[in-house]
């Protein structure tokens, strides 16, 4: 394994310590898990955005019509 040194604020290190799943969990393991969670959330958000875009045109079709507008002025 190739290793590097990074500088982190002491507050951030304390935050990392507080979210460990077990006492001997390394920062490397913790960061790998955080990256994995972030990537899965990002994929889910992309999927949700995709569905939203598809639904927009159908919703516009359903809501922007003459019969609905007639009810607004009734």
N, C-alpha and C. Protein backbone atom coordinates (compact mmCIF):
# COMPACT_ATOMS: atom_id res chain seq x y z
N UNK A 1 0.84 -1.18 0.00
CA UNK A 1 0.00 0.00 0.00
C UNK A 1 0.88 1.24 0.00
N UNK A 2 0.58 2.15 -0.90
CA UNK A 2 1.27 3.43 -0.91
C UNK A 2 0.52 4.36 0.03
N UNK A 3 1.24 5.04 0.88
CA UNK A 3 0.61 5.94 1.84
C UNK A 3 1.09 7.36 1.61
N UNK A 4 0.27 8.29 2.05
CA UNK A 4 0.61 9.70 1.97
C UNK A 4 0.19 10.37 3.27
N UNK A 5 0.67 11.54 3.48
CA UNK A 5 0.29 12.30 4.66
C UNK A 5 -0.57 13.47 4.21
N UNK A 6 -1.69 13.64 4.89
CA UNK A 6 -2.53 14.81 4.61
C UNK A 6 -2.73 15.57 5.90
N UNK A 7 -2.93 16.86 5.77
CA UNK A 7 -3.16 17.68 6.95
C UNK A 7 -4.66 17.91 7.12
N UNK A 8 -5.14 17.67 8.34
CA UNK A 8 -6.54 17.87 8.65
C UNK A 8 -6.65 18.77 9.87
N UNK A 9 -7.70 19.58 9.90
CA UNK A 9 -7.96 20.38 11.09
C UNK A 9 -8.23 19.45 12.27
N UNK A 10 -7.82 19.87 13.44
CA UNK A 10 -8.02 19.03 14.64
C UNK A 10 -9.49 18.77 14.89
N UNK A 11 -10.35 19.74 14.60
CA UNK A 11 -11.79 19.53 14.76
C UNK A 11 -12.30 18.43 13.84
N UNK A 12 -11.77 18.38 12.64
CA UNK A 12 -12.17 17.34 11.70
C UNK A 12 -11.71 15.97 12.19
N UNK A 13 -10.51 15.89 12.71
CA UNK A 13 -10.01 14.62 13.25
C UNK A 13 -10.91 14.15 14.39
N UNK A 14 -11.33 15.08 15.25
CA UNK A 14 -12.23 14.72 16.34
C UNK A 14 -13.58 14.23 15.80
N UNK A 15 -14.06 14.87 14.76
CA UNK A 15 -15.31 14.43 14.14
C UNK A 15 -15.17 13.03 13.57
N UNK A 16 -14.05 12.77 12.92
CA UNK A 16 -13.80 11.43 12.38
C UNK A 16 -13.76 10.39 13.50
N UNK A 17 -13.10 10.73 14.59
CA UNK A 17 -13.04 9.81 15.73
C UNK A 17 -14.44 9.51 16.26
N UNK A 18 -15.27 10.51 16.30
CA UNK A 18 -16.60 10.33 16.89
C UNK A 18 -17.55 9.50 16.03
N UNK A 19 -17.27 9.37 14.74
CA UNK A 19 -18.18 8.60 13.87
C UNK A 19 -17.66 7.20 13.54
N UNK A 20 -16.57 6.82 14.16
CA UNK A 20 -16.06 5.47 13.93
C UNK A 20 -17.11 4.43 14.31
N UNK A 21 -17.11 3.33 13.57
CA UNK A 21 -18.05 2.24 13.87
C UNK A 21 -17.50 1.32 14.96
N UNK A 22 -16.21 1.30 15.10
CA UNK A 22 -15.56 0.53 16.17
C UNK A 22 -14.25 1.24 16.50
N UNK A 23 -13.77 1.08 17.73
CA UNK A 23 -12.63 1.87 18.21
C UNK A 23 -11.36 1.79 17.38
N UNK A 24 -11.07 0.64 16.79
CA UNK A 24 -9.82 0.50 16.06
C UNK A 24 -9.97 0.72 14.55
N UNK A 25 -11.12 1.26 14.14
CA UNK A 25 -11.33 1.55 12.73
C UNK A 25 -10.35 2.65 12.30
N UNK A 26 -9.64 2.39 11.22
CA UNK A 26 -8.65 3.37 10.75
C UNK A 26 -9.35 4.50 10.00
N UNK A 27 -8.65 5.62 9.91
CA UNK A 27 -9.19 6.73 9.13
C UNK A 27 -9.33 6.31 7.67
N UNK A 28 -8.41 5.51 7.19
CA UNK A 28 -8.46 5.02 5.81
C UNK A 28 -9.77 4.25 5.58
N UNK A 29 -10.08 3.32 6.50
CA UNK A 29 -11.32 2.54 6.38
C UNK A 29 -12.54 3.45 6.44
N UNK A 30 -12.48 4.38 7.35
CA UNK A 30 -13.60 5.30 7.53
C UNK A 30 -13.82 6.15 6.28
N UNK A 31 -12.77 6.67 5.72
CA UNK A 31 -12.88 7.51 4.52
C UNK A 31 -13.34 6.68 3.33
N UNK A 32 -12.85 5.45 3.20
CA UNK A 32 -13.32 4.57 2.12
C UNK A 32 -14.82 4.34 2.21
N UNK A 33 -15.31 4.11 3.43
CA UNK A 33 -16.74 3.89 3.62
C UNK A 33 -17.52 5.17 3.31
N UNK A 34 -17.01 6.31 3.73
CA UNK A 34 -17.68 7.58 3.46
C UNK A 34 -17.78 7.82 1.96
N UNK A 35 -16.73 7.50 1.23
CA UNK A 35 -16.72 7.66 -0.23
C UNK A 35 -17.77 6.75 -0.85
N UNK A 36 -17.84 5.51 -0.39
CA UNK A 36 -18.81 4.56 -0.90
C UNK A 36 -20.24 5.05 -0.67
N UNK A 37 -20.51 5.53 0.52
CA UNK A 37 -21.85 6.05 0.83
C UNK A 37 -22.16 7.27 -0.04
N UNK A 38 -21.20 8.17 -0.17
CA UNK A 38 -21.39 9.36 -0.98
C UNK A 38 -21.70 8.99 -2.43
N UNK A 39 -20.96 8.02 -2.98
CA UNK A 39 -21.19 7.62 -4.37
C UNK A 39 -22.57 7.01 -4.56
N UNK A 40 -23.03 6.20 -3.61
CA UNK A 40 -24.35 5.60 -3.75
C UNK A 40 -25.45 6.66 -3.64
N UNK A 41 -25.28 7.64 -2.76
CA UNK A 41 -26.25 8.72 -2.64
C UNK A 41 -26.27 9.55 -3.93
N UNK A 42 -25.11 9.79 -4.47
CA UNK A 42 -25.02 10.57 -5.71
C UNK A 42 -25.73 9.85 -6.86
N UNK A 43 -25.55 8.53 -6.96
CA UNK A 43 -26.23 7.75 -8.00
C UNK A 43 -27.74 7.83 -7.81
N UNK A 44 -28.20 7.70 -6.56
CA UNK A 44 -29.63 7.76 -6.28
C UNK A 44 -30.18 9.13 -6.66
N UNK A 45 -29.46 10.19 -6.34
CA UNK A 45 -29.91 11.53 -6.68
C UNK A 45 -29.99 11.73 -8.19
N UNK A 46 -29.02 11.16 -8.93
CA UNK A 46 -29.05 11.26 -10.38
C UNK A 46 -30.28 10.54 -10.94
N UNK A 47 -30.61 9.38 -10.35
CA UNK A 47 -31.77 8.62 -10.78
C UNK A 47 -33.05 9.42 -10.49
N UNK A 48 -33.13 10.01 -9.30
CA UNK A 48 -34.30 10.81 -8.93
C UNK A 48 -34.45 12.01 -9.86
N UNK A 49 -33.36 12.67 -10.20
CA UNK A 49 -33.41 13.80 -11.12
C UNK A 49 -33.88 13.36 -12.50
N UNK A 50 -33.41 12.19 -12.94
CA UNK A 50 -33.81 11.64 -14.22
C UNK A 50 -35.33 11.40 -14.24
N UNK A 51 -35.85 10.78 -13.18
CA UNK A 51 -37.29 10.53 -13.11
C UNK A 51 -38.08 11.84 -13.07
N UNK A 52 -37.57 12.81 -12.35
CA UNK A 52 -38.24 14.10 -12.25
C UNK A 52 -38.34 14.76 -13.63
N UNK A 53 -37.27 14.70 -14.40
CA UNK A 53 -37.28 15.31 -15.74
C UNK A 53 -38.30 14.61 -16.64
N UNK A 54 -38.35 13.29 -16.55
CA UNK A 54 -39.31 12.54 -17.37
C UNK A 54 -40.74 12.92 -16.98
N UNK A 55 -40.98 13.05 -15.69
CA UNK A 55 -42.32 13.34 -15.19
C UNK A 55 -42.76 14.76 -15.50
N UNK A 56 -41.83 15.68 -15.64
CA UNK A 56 -42.19 17.09 -15.87
C UNK A 56 -43.07 17.26 -17.10
N UNK A 57 -42.71 16.62 -18.20
CA UNK A 57 -43.49 16.81 -19.42
C UNK A 57 -44.89 16.22 -19.27
N UNK A 58 -45.00 15.08 -18.62
CA UNK A 58 -46.32 14.47 -18.41
C UNK A 58 -47.17 15.34 -17.48
N UNK A 59 -46.57 15.87 -16.42
CA UNK A 59 -47.31 16.72 -15.50
C UNK A 59 -47.77 18.00 -16.21
N UNK A 60 -46.92 18.55 -17.05
CA UNK A 60 -47.31 19.74 -17.81
C UNK A 60 -48.50 19.41 -18.70
N UNK A 61 -48.46 18.25 -19.33
CA UNK A 61 -49.57 17.82 -20.19
C UNK A 61 -50.86 17.67 -19.38
N UNK A 62 -50.74 17.10 -18.19
CA UNK A 62 -51.93 16.87 -17.37
C UNK A 62 -52.50 18.16 -16.77
N UNK A 63 -51.65 19.08 -16.39
CA UNK A 63 -52.10 20.27 -15.68
C UNK A 63 -52.35 21.47 -16.58
N UNK A 64 -51.66 21.56 -17.69
CA UNK A 64 -51.85 22.71 -18.59
C UNK A 64 -52.86 22.35 -19.67
N UNK A 65 -54.13 22.37 -19.30
CA UNK A 65 -55.15 22.09 -20.30
C UNK A 65 -56.35 23.00 -20.07
N UNK A 66 -57.19 23.12 -21.09
CA UNK A 66 -58.32 24.06 -21.06
C UNK A 66 -59.34 23.73 -19.98
N UNK A 67 -59.61 22.45 -19.75
CA UNK A 67 -60.64 22.10 -18.77
C UNK A 67 -60.22 22.48 -17.35
N UNK A 68 -58.96 22.34 -17.03
CA UNK A 68 -58.49 22.76 -15.71
C UNK A 68 -58.56 24.27 -15.56
N UNK A 69 -58.22 24.98 -16.60
CA UNK A 69 -58.26 26.44 -16.54
C UNK A 69 -59.69 26.93 -16.40
N UNK A 70 -60.64 26.21 -16.98
CA UNK A 70 -62.04 26.59 -16.85
C UNK A 70 -62.49 26.47 -15.39
N UNK A 71 -62.03 25.48 -14.69
CA UNK A 71 -62.36 25.31 -13.27
C UNK A 71 -61.77 26.41 -12.42
N UNK A 72 -60.61 26.92 -12.80
CA UNK A 72 -59.99 28.00 -12.03
C UNK A 72 -60.84 29.26 -12.03
N UNK A 73 -61.59 29.47 -13.09
CA UNK A 73 -62.39 30.70 -13.23
C UNK A 73 -63.86 30.47 -12.95
N UNK A 74 -64.21 29.31 -12.43
CA UNK A 74 -65.63 29.00 -12.17
C UNK A 74 -66.15 29.69 -10.93
